[in-house]
Amino acid sequence: MARMDAADRLKHWIDTSGITQRMAARIFGVHYTYVNQFLRRRRTPSLAVAVVIAHHTGIAPGAWVPTAVGKDTGPMPVDGRKRKSA
């Protein structure tokens, strides 16, 4: 089974809770359009909102941070210049 990201987990929580996106928005203290944007991966919650979401859903705030899969995320060279691609 594929790993669920934060948006998938939020959708699952909303579906299994039997609530609407508007109800979830009220619970999280955000405008209802934000919840839809979170679910469509068009917006990520602020840290404060992510903490509120975590309190209600168990989705860790760090789950909303995108990862750079397959990208060189090593430290920047001392001189501050980007490394050249090979």
N, C-alpha and C. Protein backbone atom coordinates (compact mmCIF):
# COMPACT_ATOMS: atom_id res chain seq x y z
N MET A 1 0.85 -1.18 0.00
CA MET A 1 0.00 0.00 0.00
C MET A 1 0.89 1.24 0.00
N ALA A 2 0.54 2.23 -0.79
CA ALA A 2 1.31 3.45 -0.89
C ALA A 2 1.20 4.25 0.41
N ARG A 3 2.26 4.96 0.71
CA ARG A 3 2.28 5.78 1.92
C ARG A 3 1.39 7.01 1.74
N MET A 4 0.61 7.32 2.73
CA MET A 4 -0.30 8.46 2.67
C MET A 4 0.43 9.73 3.10
N ASP A 5 0.27 10.81 2.34
CA ASP A 5 0.84 12.09 2.76
C ASP A 5 -0.16 12.79 3.66
N ALA A 6 0.20 14.00 4.12
CA ALA A 6 -0.66 14.72 5.06
C ALA A 6 -2.04 15.01 4.47
N ALA A 7 -2.09 15.38 3.20
CA ALA A 7 -3.38 15.67 2.57
C ALA A 7 -4.27 14.42 2.53
N ASP A 8 -3.67 13.28 2.18
CA ASP A 8 -4.43 12.02 2.16
C ASP A 8 -4.94 11.68 3.56
N ARG A 9 -4.09 11.88 4.55
CA ARG A 9 -4.48 11.57 5.93
C ARG A 9 -5.59 12.49 6.41
N LEU A 10 -5.52 13.78 6.02
CA LEU A 10 -6.57 14.71 6.40
C LEU A 10 -7.90 14.33 5.74
N LYS A 11 -7.84 13.96 4.47
CA LYS A 11 -9.06 13.54 3.77
C LYS A 11 -9.65 12.31 4.46
N HIS A 12 -8.81 11.36 4.81
CA HIS A 12 -9.26 10.15 5.49
C HIS A 12 -9.92 10.51 6.83
N TRP A 13 -9.31 11.43 7.58
CA TRP A 13 -9.86 11.85 8.86
C TRP A 13 -11.23 12.50 8.68
N ILE A 14 -11.34 13.37 7.69
CA ILE A 14 -12.62 14.04 7.43
C ILE A 14 -13.68 13.00 7.05
N ASP A 15 -13.33 12.09 6.13
CA ASP A 15 -14.28 11.07 5.68
C ASP A 15 -14.73 10.16 6.82
N THR A 16 -13.77 9.69 7.63
CA THR A 16 -14.13 8.75 8.70
C THR A 16 -14.82 9.43 9.87
N SER A 17 -14.61 10.75 10.00
CA SER A 17 -15.29 11.49 11.06
C SER A 17 -16.72 11.84 10.70
N GLY A 18 -17.05 11.70 9.41
CA GLY A 18 -18.41 12.01 8.97
C GLY A 18 -18.72 13.50 9.01
N ILE A 19 -17.69 14.32 8.79
CA ILE A 19 -17.90 15.76 8.78
C ILE A 19 -17.59 16.32 7.39
N THR A 20 -18.01 17.55 7.19
CA THR A 20 -17.74 18.21 5.91
C THR A 20 -16.43 19.01 6.02
N GLN A 21 -15.95 19.47 4.87
CA GLN A 21 -14.77 20.32 4.87
C GLN A 21 -15.04 21.62 5.63
N ARG A 22 -16.25 22.13 5.52
CA ARG A 22 -16.62 23.35 6.26
C ARG A 22 -16.56 23.11 7.76
N MET A 23 -17.04 21.96 8.20
CA MET A 23 -16.99 21.64 9.63
C MET A 23 -15.53 21.52 10.09
N ALA A 24 -14.71 20.87 9.28
CA ALA A 24 -13.29 20.74 9.62
C ALA A 24 -12.65 22.11 9.72
N ALA A 25 -13.00 23.00 8.81
CA ALA A 25 -12.45 24.35 8.82
C ALA A 25 -12.81 25.06 10.12
N ARG A 26 -14.05 24.91 10.57
CA ARG A 26 -14.46 25.53 11.84
C ARG A 26 -13.65 24.96 13.00
N ILE A 27 -13.44 23.66 12.99
CA ILE A 27 -12.67 23.01 14.04
C ILE A 27 -11.23 23.55 14.06
N PHE A 28 -10.65 23.73 12.87
CA PHE A 28 -9.26 24.17 12.77
C PHE A 28 -9.10 25.68 12.87
N GLY A 29 -10.20 26.41 12.77
CA GLY A 29 -10.14 27.86 12.87
C GLY A 29 -9.64 28.55 11.61
N VAL A 30 -9.95 27.96 10.45
CA VAL A 30 -9.54 28.54 9.17
C VAL A 30 -10.76 28.68 8.27
N HIS A 31 -10.60 29.45 7.21
CA HIS A 31 -11.67 29.58 6.22
C HIS A 31 -11.84 28.24 5.51
N TYR A 32 -13.07 27.91 5.15
CA TYR A 32 -13.32 26.59 4.56
C TYR A 32 -12.56 26.36 3.25
N THR A 33 -12.25 27.42 2.51
CA THR A 33 -11.51 27.22 1.27
C THR A 33 -10.09 26.71 1.54
N TYR A 34 -9.55 27.04 2.71
CA TYR A 34 -8.20 26.57 3.04
C TYR A 34 -8.17 25.04 3.15
N VAL A 35 -9.17 24.48 3.79
CA VAL A 35 -9.19 23.01 3.94
C VAL A 35 -9.19 22.35 2.57
N ASN A 36 -10.00 22.88 1.65
CA ASN A 36 -10.01 22.33 0.30
C ASN A 36 -8.65 22.48 -0.36
N GLN A 37 -7.99 23.60 -0.16
CA GLN A 37 -6.66 23.81 -0.73
C GLN A 37 -5.63 22.89 -0.10
N PHE A 38 -5.76 22.60 1.20
CA PHE A 38 -4.86 21.63 1.85
C PHE A 38 -5.05 20.26 1.19
N LEU A 39 -6.31 19.88 0.98
CA LEU A 39 -6.61 18.56 0.42
C LEU A 39 -6.13 18.44 -1.03
N ARG A 40 -6.17 19.54 -1.77
CA ARG A 40 -5.73 19.52 -3.17
C ARG A 40 -4.24 19.81 -3.31
N ARG A 41 -3.55 19.95 -2.17
CA ARG A 41 -2.10 20.21 -2.15
C ARG A 41 -1.74 21.54 -2.81
N ARG A 42 -2.65 22.50 -2.77
CA ARG A 42 -2.40 23.83 -3.33
C ARG A 42 -1.86 24.78 -2.27
N ARG A 43 -2.02 24.41 -1.02
CA ARG A 43 -1.59 25.25 0.11
C ARG A 43 -1.19 24.31 1.25
N THR A 44 -0.22 24.75 2.03
CA THR A 44 0.12 24.02 3.24
C THR A 44 -0.25 24.90 4.43
N PRO A 45 -0.66 24.30 5.52
CA PRO A 45 -1.04 25.10 6.67
C PRO A 45 0.16 25.77 7.32
N SER A 46 -0.08 26.92 7.94
CA SER A 46 0.96 27.55 8.73
C SER A 46 1.29 26.62 9.89
N LEU A 47 2.39 26.90 10.56
CA LEU A 47 2.76 26.06 11.70
C LEU A 47 1.67 26.06 12.77
N ALA A 48 1.11 27.23 13.04
CA ALA A 48 0.06 27.32 14.06
C ALA A 48 -1.16 26.48 13.68
N VAL A 49 -1.57 26.55 12.42
CA VAL A 49 -2.71 25.75 11.97
C VAL A 49 -2.35 24.27 11.95
N ALA A 50 -1.13 23.94 11.55
CA ALA A 50 -0.69 22.54 11.53
C ALA A 50 -0.73 21.95 12.94
N VAL A 51 -0.40 22.76 13.95
CA VAL A 51 -0.46 22.29 15.34
C VAL A 51 -1.91 22.03 15.75
N VAL A 52 -2.82 22.89 15.34
CA VAL A 52 -4.25 22.69 15.64
C VAL A 52 -4.75 21.42 14.94
N ILE A 53 -4.38 21.27 13.66
CA ILE A 53 -4.77 20.06 12.93
C ILE A 53 -4.23 18.83 13.64
N ALA A 54 -2.98 18.89 14.09
CA ALA A 54 -2.36 17.75 14.79
C ALA A 54 -3.13 17.42 16.06
N HIS A 55 -3.55 18.44 16.78
CA HIS A 55 -4.29 18.22 18.03
C HIS A 55 -5.57 17.43 17.79
N HIS A 56 -6.24 17.71 16.69
CA HIS A 56 -7.52 17.07 16.40
C HIS A 56 -7.40 15.76 15.62
N THR A 57 -6.37 15.66 14.77
CA THR A 57 -6.30 14.52 13.85
C THR A 57 -5.15 13.56 14.12
N GLY A 58 -4.13 14.04 14.81
CA GLY A 58 -2.93 13.22 15.02
C GLY A 58 -1.93 13.31 13.88
N ILE A 59 -2.19 14.16 12.89
CA ILE A 59 -1.26 14.36 11.78
C ILE A 59 -0.17 15.31 12.25
N ALA A 60 1.05 14.83 12.35
CA ALA A 60 2.15 15.64 12.87
C ALA A 60 2.36 16.88 12.00
N PRO A 61 2.66 18.03 12.62
CA PRO A 61 2.89 19.24 11.84
C PRO A 61 3.97 19.07 10.77
N GLY A 62 4.98 18.29 11.05
CA GLY A 62 6.05 18.06 10.09
C GLY A 62 5.62 17.30 8.85
N ALA A 63 4.47 16.65 8.91
CA ALA A 63 3.98 15.90 7.75
C ALA A 63 3.63 16.81 6.59
N TRP A 64 3.41 18.10 6.86
CA TRP A 64 3.04 19.04 5.81
C TRP A 64 4.25 19.59 5.08
N VAL A 65 5.46 19.35 5.60
CA VAL A 65 6.67 19.87 4.98
C VAL A 65 7.02 19.01 3.78
N PRO A 66 7.12 19.62 2.59
CA PRO A 66 7.46 18.82 1.41
C PRO A 66 8.90 18.31 1.50
N THR A 67 9.13 17.15 0.94
CA THR A 67 10.48 16.60 0.92
C THR A 67 11.04 16.68 -0.49
N ALA A 68 12.33 16.79 -0.57
CA ALA A 68 13.01 16.89 -1.86
C ALA A 68 13.52 15.50 -2.24
N VAL A 69 12.63 14.66 -2.70
CA VAL A 69 12.97 13.29 -3.06
C VAL A 69 13.84 13.31 -4.31
N GLY A 70 14.99 12.67 -4.22
CA GLY A 70 15.87 12.54 -5.38
C GLY A 70 16.69 13.79 -5.66
N LYS A 71 16.58 14.81 -4.83
CA LYS A 71 17.35 16.02 -5.05
C LYS A 71 18.52 16.05 -4.08
N ASP A 72 19.57 16.74 -4.50
CA ASP A 72 20.74 16.88 -3.64
C ASP A 72 20.41 17.89 -2.56
N THR A 73 20.23 17.42 -1.35
CA THR A 73 19.89 18.31 -0.24
C THR A 73 21.04 18.44 0.73
N GLY A 74 22.25 18.13 0.24
CA GLY A 74 23.43 18.23 1.09
C GLY A 74 23.73 19.67 1.44
N PRO A 75 24.72 19.86 2.31
CA PRO A 75 25.05 21.21 2.75
C PRO A 75 25.57 22.08 1.61
N MET A 76 25.36 23.37 1.73
CA MET A 76 25.84 24.34 0.75
C MET A 76 27.35 24.44 0.91
N PRO A 77 28.10 24.56 -0.18
CA PRO A 77 29.55 24.73 -0.07
C PRO A 77 29.90 25.96 0.77
N VAL A 78 31.07 25.96 1.33
CA VAL A 78 31.50 27.04 2.22
C VAL A 78 31.44 28.40 1.54
N ASP A 79 31.76 28.46 0.23
CA ASP A 79 31.76 29.75 -0.46
C ASP A 79 30.35 30.24 -0.80
N GLY A 80 29.32 29.45 -0.52
CA GLY A 80 27.94 29.86 -0.75
C GLY A 80 27.45 29.65 -2.16
N ARG A 81 28.27 29.14 -3.04
CA ARG A 81 27.86 28.92 -4.43
C ARG A 81 27.24 27.55 -4.60
N LYS A 82 26.30 27.45 -5.51
CA LYS A 82 25.69 26.15 -5.80
C LYS A 82 26.72 25.29 -6.52
N ARG A 83 26.61 24.00 -6.28
CA ARG A 83 27.48 23.05 -6.98
C ARG A 83 27.00 22.87 -8.40
N LYS A 84 27.91 22.64 -9.30
CA LYS A 84 27.56 22.38 -10.70
C LYS A 84 27.07 20.95 -10.84
N SER A 85 26.07 20.78 -11.69
CA SER A 85 25.56 19.45 -11.96
C SER A 85 26.53 18.72 -12.87
N ALA A 86 26.67 17.44 -12.65
CA ALA A 86 27.59 16.64 -13.48
C ALA A 86 26.90 16.15 -14.71
